[in-house]
């Protein structure tokens, strides 16, 4: 009796592996903290660059109004760009989805399962055939008859006759009262 290939002993003991694992985790944690700090600094720099602090002291009312108009204009431009990008992203996602679906179809990923051969005796096959025929006939006999109800047809009127009567709040009130 031969056993399967034995596991090779690792070069490091369990305590050594644990020590190495803990050191790796500490190093990864410190790298993550540094990366977060770096991203925060970059964010602050870009915000300072893109949106300098406002100097509102000493401005007249007209200058403040002009500043507000300028800010509104910038906001509109940014909103339009954001909306356009959202539309592009949605289109690209839909296109990616359709392309991946086509790839699956072309590769033939939709595999049919392998069918198993079932052995049946001749008597069982004949019995199953006769049962289905009687079931069909029995099914048709048990069906209930359904009477069709006549649909109510609404009276078609000329819309031009009621334009004056239905205009304004009076007409809306009549429609509301008729609906209740």
Protein backbone atom coordinates (compact mmCIF):
# COMPACT_ATOMS: atom_id res chain seq x y z
CA UNK A 1 0.00 0.00 0.00
CA UNK A 2 1.52 3.23 -1.05
CA UNK A 3 0.33 6.46 0.51
CA UNK A 4 -0.05 9.64 -1.46
CA UNK A 5 2.77 12.15 -1.62
CA UNK A 6 3.60 13.37 1.88
CA UNK A 7 3.53 17.05 2.71
CA UNK A 8 6.96 18.52 2.70
CA UNK A 9 7.89 20.10 6.02
CA UNK A 10 8.10 23.84 5.87
CA UNK A 11 11.43 25.52 6.33
CA UNK A 12 10.12 27.67 9.17
CA UNK A 13 8.73 26.62 12.52
CA UNK A 14 5.23 27.67 13.58
CA UNK A 15 6.51 30.37 15.92
CA UNK A 16 8.77 31.75 13.20
CA UNK A 17 5.86 31.82 10.71
CA UNK A 18 3.69 33.59 13.27
CA UNK A 19 6.41 36.16 13.91
CA UNK A 20 6.87 36.78 10.18
CA UNK A 21 3.12 37.06 9.67
CA UNK A 22 2.76 39.61 12.48
CA UNK A 23 5.69 41.66 11.07
CA UNK A 24 4.12 41.62 7.59
CA UNK A 25 0.79 42.77 9.00
CA UNK A 26 2.45 45.62 10.94
CA UNK A 27 4.34 46.72 7.82
CA UNK A 28 1.16 46.59 5.71
CA UNK A 29 -0.70 48.62 8.33
CA UNK A 30 2.00 51.30 8.41
CA UNK A 31 2.00 51.45 4.59
CA UNK A 32 -1.79 51.90 4.59
CA UNK A 33 -1.55 54.75 7.11
CA UNK A 34 1.15 56.46 5.03
CA UNK A 35 -0.94 56.05 1.87
CA UNK A 36 -4.00 57.56 3.58
CA UNK A 37 -1.98 60.54 4.78
CA UNK A 38 -0.50 61.04 1.33
CA UNK A 39 -3.94 60.96 -0.27
CA UNK A 40 -5.24 63.48 2.27
CA UNK A 41 -2.33 65.84 1.52
CA UNK A 42 -2.93 65.49 -2.24
CA UNK A 43 -6.64 66.18 -1.72
CA UNK A 44 -5.92 69.32 0.28
CA UNK A 45 -3.46 70.56 -2.35
CA UNK A 46 -5.91 70.04 -5.22
CA UNK A 47 -8.68 71.74 -3.27
CA UNK A 48 -6.44 74.72 -2.55
CA UNK A 49 -5.46 74.87 -6.20
CA UNK A 50 -8.95 74.48 -7.67
CA UNK A 51 -10.91 76.48 -5.11
CA UNK A 52 -8.79 79.23 -3.56
CA UNK A 53 -10.20 80.75 -0.35
CA UNK A 54 -12.65 83.59 -0.92
CA UNK A 55 -11.67 87.10 0.13
CA UNK A 56 -14.98 88.72 0.97
CA UNK A 57 -13.86 91.50 3.28
CA UNK A 58 -13.75 94.96 1.75
CA UNK A 59 -15.93 94.07 -1.28
CA UNK A 60 -18.89 96.19 -2.31
CA UNK A 61 -22.36 94.79 -2.92
CA UNK A 62 -21.89 94.84 -6.70
CA UNK A 63 -18.57 93.01 -6.44
CA UNK A 64 -20.17 90.39 -4.19
CA UNK A 65 -23.01 89.95 -6.69
CA UNK A 66 -20.52 89.56 -9.52
CA UNK A 67 -18.60 87.00 -7.47
CA UNK A 68 -21.83 85.06 -6.84
CA UNK A 69 -22.67 85.08 -10.56
CA UNK A 70 -19.18 83.84 -11.38
CA UNK A 71 -19.48 81.04 -8.81
CA UNK A 72 -22.91 80.08 -10.15
CA UNK A 73 -21.51 79.92 -13.66
CA UNK A 74 -18.65 77.66 -12.49
CA UNK A 75 -21.10 75.42 -10.63
CA UNK A 76 -23.25 75.08 -13.77
CA UNK A 77 -20.22 74.10 -15.85
CA UNK A 78 -19.15 71.47 -13.31
CA UNK A 79 -22.70 70.07 -13.05
CA UNK A 80 -22.94 69.77 -16.85
CA UNK A 81 -19.61 67.96 -16.98
CA UNK A 82 -20.66 65.63 -14.15
CA UNK A 83 -23.97 64.85 -15.88
CA UNK A 84 -22.18 64.16 -19.18
CA UNK A 85 -19.73 61.84 -17.44
CA UNK A 86 -22.56 59.97 -15.69
CA UNK A 87 -24.27 59.42 -19.05
CA UNK A 88 -21.02 58.19 -20.62
CA UNK A 89 -20.42 55.81 -17.71
CA UNK A 90 -23.95 54.40 -17.96
CA UNK A 91 -23.56 53.87 -21.73
CA UNK A 92 -20.18 52.20 -21.27
CA UNK A 93 -21.52 49.90 -18.57
CA UNK A 94 -24.43 48.87 -20.78
CA UNK A 95 -22.04 48.26 -23.67
CA UNK A 96 -19.70 46.22 -21.48
CA UNK A 97 -22.61 44.12 -20.27
CA UNK A 98 -23.81 43.42 -23.80
CA UNK A 99 -20.29 42.60 -25.00
CA UNK A 100 -19.67 40.18 -22.15
CA UNK A 101 -22.97 38.51 -22.97
CA UNK A 102 -21.89 38.16 -26.61
CA UNK A 103 -18.55 36.73 -25.50
CA UNK A 104 -20.29 34.09 -23.40
CA UNK A 105 -22.52 33.21 -26.34
CA UNK A 106 -19.56 32.98 -28.73
CA UNK A 107 -17.46 30.90 -26.36
CA UNK A 108 -20.37 28.58 -25.76
CA UNK A 109 -20.26 28.89 -22.00
CA UNK A 110 -23.89 27.84 -21.89
CA UNK A 111 -23.08 24.14 -21.68
CA UNK A 112 -25.77 21.54 -21.68
CA UNK A 113 -25.37 19.00 -18.92
CA UNK A 114 -24.35 15.51 -19.90
CA UNK A 115 -27.43 13.33 -20.03
CA UNK A 116 -27.47 10.01 -18.29
CA UNK A 117 -28.80 6.93 -19.97
CA UNK A 118 -31.89 5.55 -18.25
CA UNK A 119 -32.78 1.92 -18.75
CA UNK A 120 -36.49 1.23 -18.99
CA UNK A 121 -38.22 -1.96 -19.68
CA UNK A 122 -40.60 -2.27 -22.64
CA UNK A 123 -43.60 -2.64 -20.32
CA UNK A 124 -42.72 0.57 -18.46
CA UNK A 125 -42.34 2.47 -21.74
CA UNK A 126 -45.73 1.26 -23.01
CA UNK A 127 -47.32 2.07 -19.67
CA UNK A 128 -45.97 5.62 -19.69
CA UNK A 129 -47.21 6.19 -23.26
CA UNK A 130 -50.73 5.00 -22.51
CA UNK A 131 -50.90 7.04 -19.29
CA UNK A 132 -50.10 10.30 -21.09
CA UNK A 133 -52.82 9.73 -23.69
CA UNK A 134 -55.47 9.10 -21.08
CA UNK A 135 -54.31 12.06 -19.06
CA UNK A 136 -54.70 14.40 -22.06
CA UNK A 137 -58.24 13.23 -22.70
CA UNK A 138 -59.07 13.42 -19.00
CA UNK A 139 -57.62 16.91 -18.77
CA UNK A 140 -59.78 18.20 -21.61
CA UNK A 141 -62.90 16.69 -20.03
CA UNK A 142 -62.26 18.43 -16.72
CA UNK A 143 -61.88 21.91 -18.18
CA UNK A 144 -64.50 24.42 -17.13
CA UNK A 145 -66.29 26.61 -19.59
CA UNK A 146 -65.85 30.32 -19.13
CA UNK A 147 -68.37 32.89 -20.25
CA UNK A 148 -67.06 36.08 -21.73
CA UNK A 149 -68.45 39.27 -20.26
CA UNK A 150 -69.30 42.06 -22.57
CA UNK A 151 -66.94 44.96 -22.24
CA UNK A 152 -68.48 48.29 -21.47
CA UNK A 153 -67.87 50.74 -24.26
CA UNK A 154 -67.56 54.35 -23.24
CA UNK A 155 -69.57 56.76 -25.26
CA UNK A 156 -67.40 58.72 -27.66
CA UNK A 157 -68.27 62.38 -27.60
CA UNK A 158 -66.99 65.29 -29.54
CA UNK A 159 -64.31 66.98 -27.43
CA UNK A 160 -65.04 70.39 -28.93
CA UNK A 161 -68.47 70.57 -27.31
CA UNK A 162 -67.19 70.48 -23.72
CA UNK A 163 -64.13 72.71 -24.05
CA UNK A 164 -65.84 75.75 -22.57
CA UNK A 165 -67.56 73.78 -19.78
CA UNK A 166 -64.44 71.89 -18.72
CA UNK A 167 -61.96 74.77 -18.86
CA UNK A 168 -60.55 76.33 -15.69
CA UNK A 169 -60.96 75.16 -12.12
CA UNK A 170 -64.68 74.53 -12.53
CA UNK A 171 -64.04 71.81 -15.11
CA UNK A 172 -61.32 70.23 -13.01
CA UNK A 173 -63.66 70.15 -10.04
CA UNK A 174 -66.32 68.43 -12.16
CA UNK A 175 -63.79 65.83 -13.30
CA UNK A 176 -62.63 65.29 -9.72
CA UNK A 177 -66.22 64.92 -8.46
CA UNK A 178 -67.07 62.53 -11.31
CA UNK A 179 -64.04 60.37 -10.45
CA UNK A 180 -65.24 59.91 -6.85
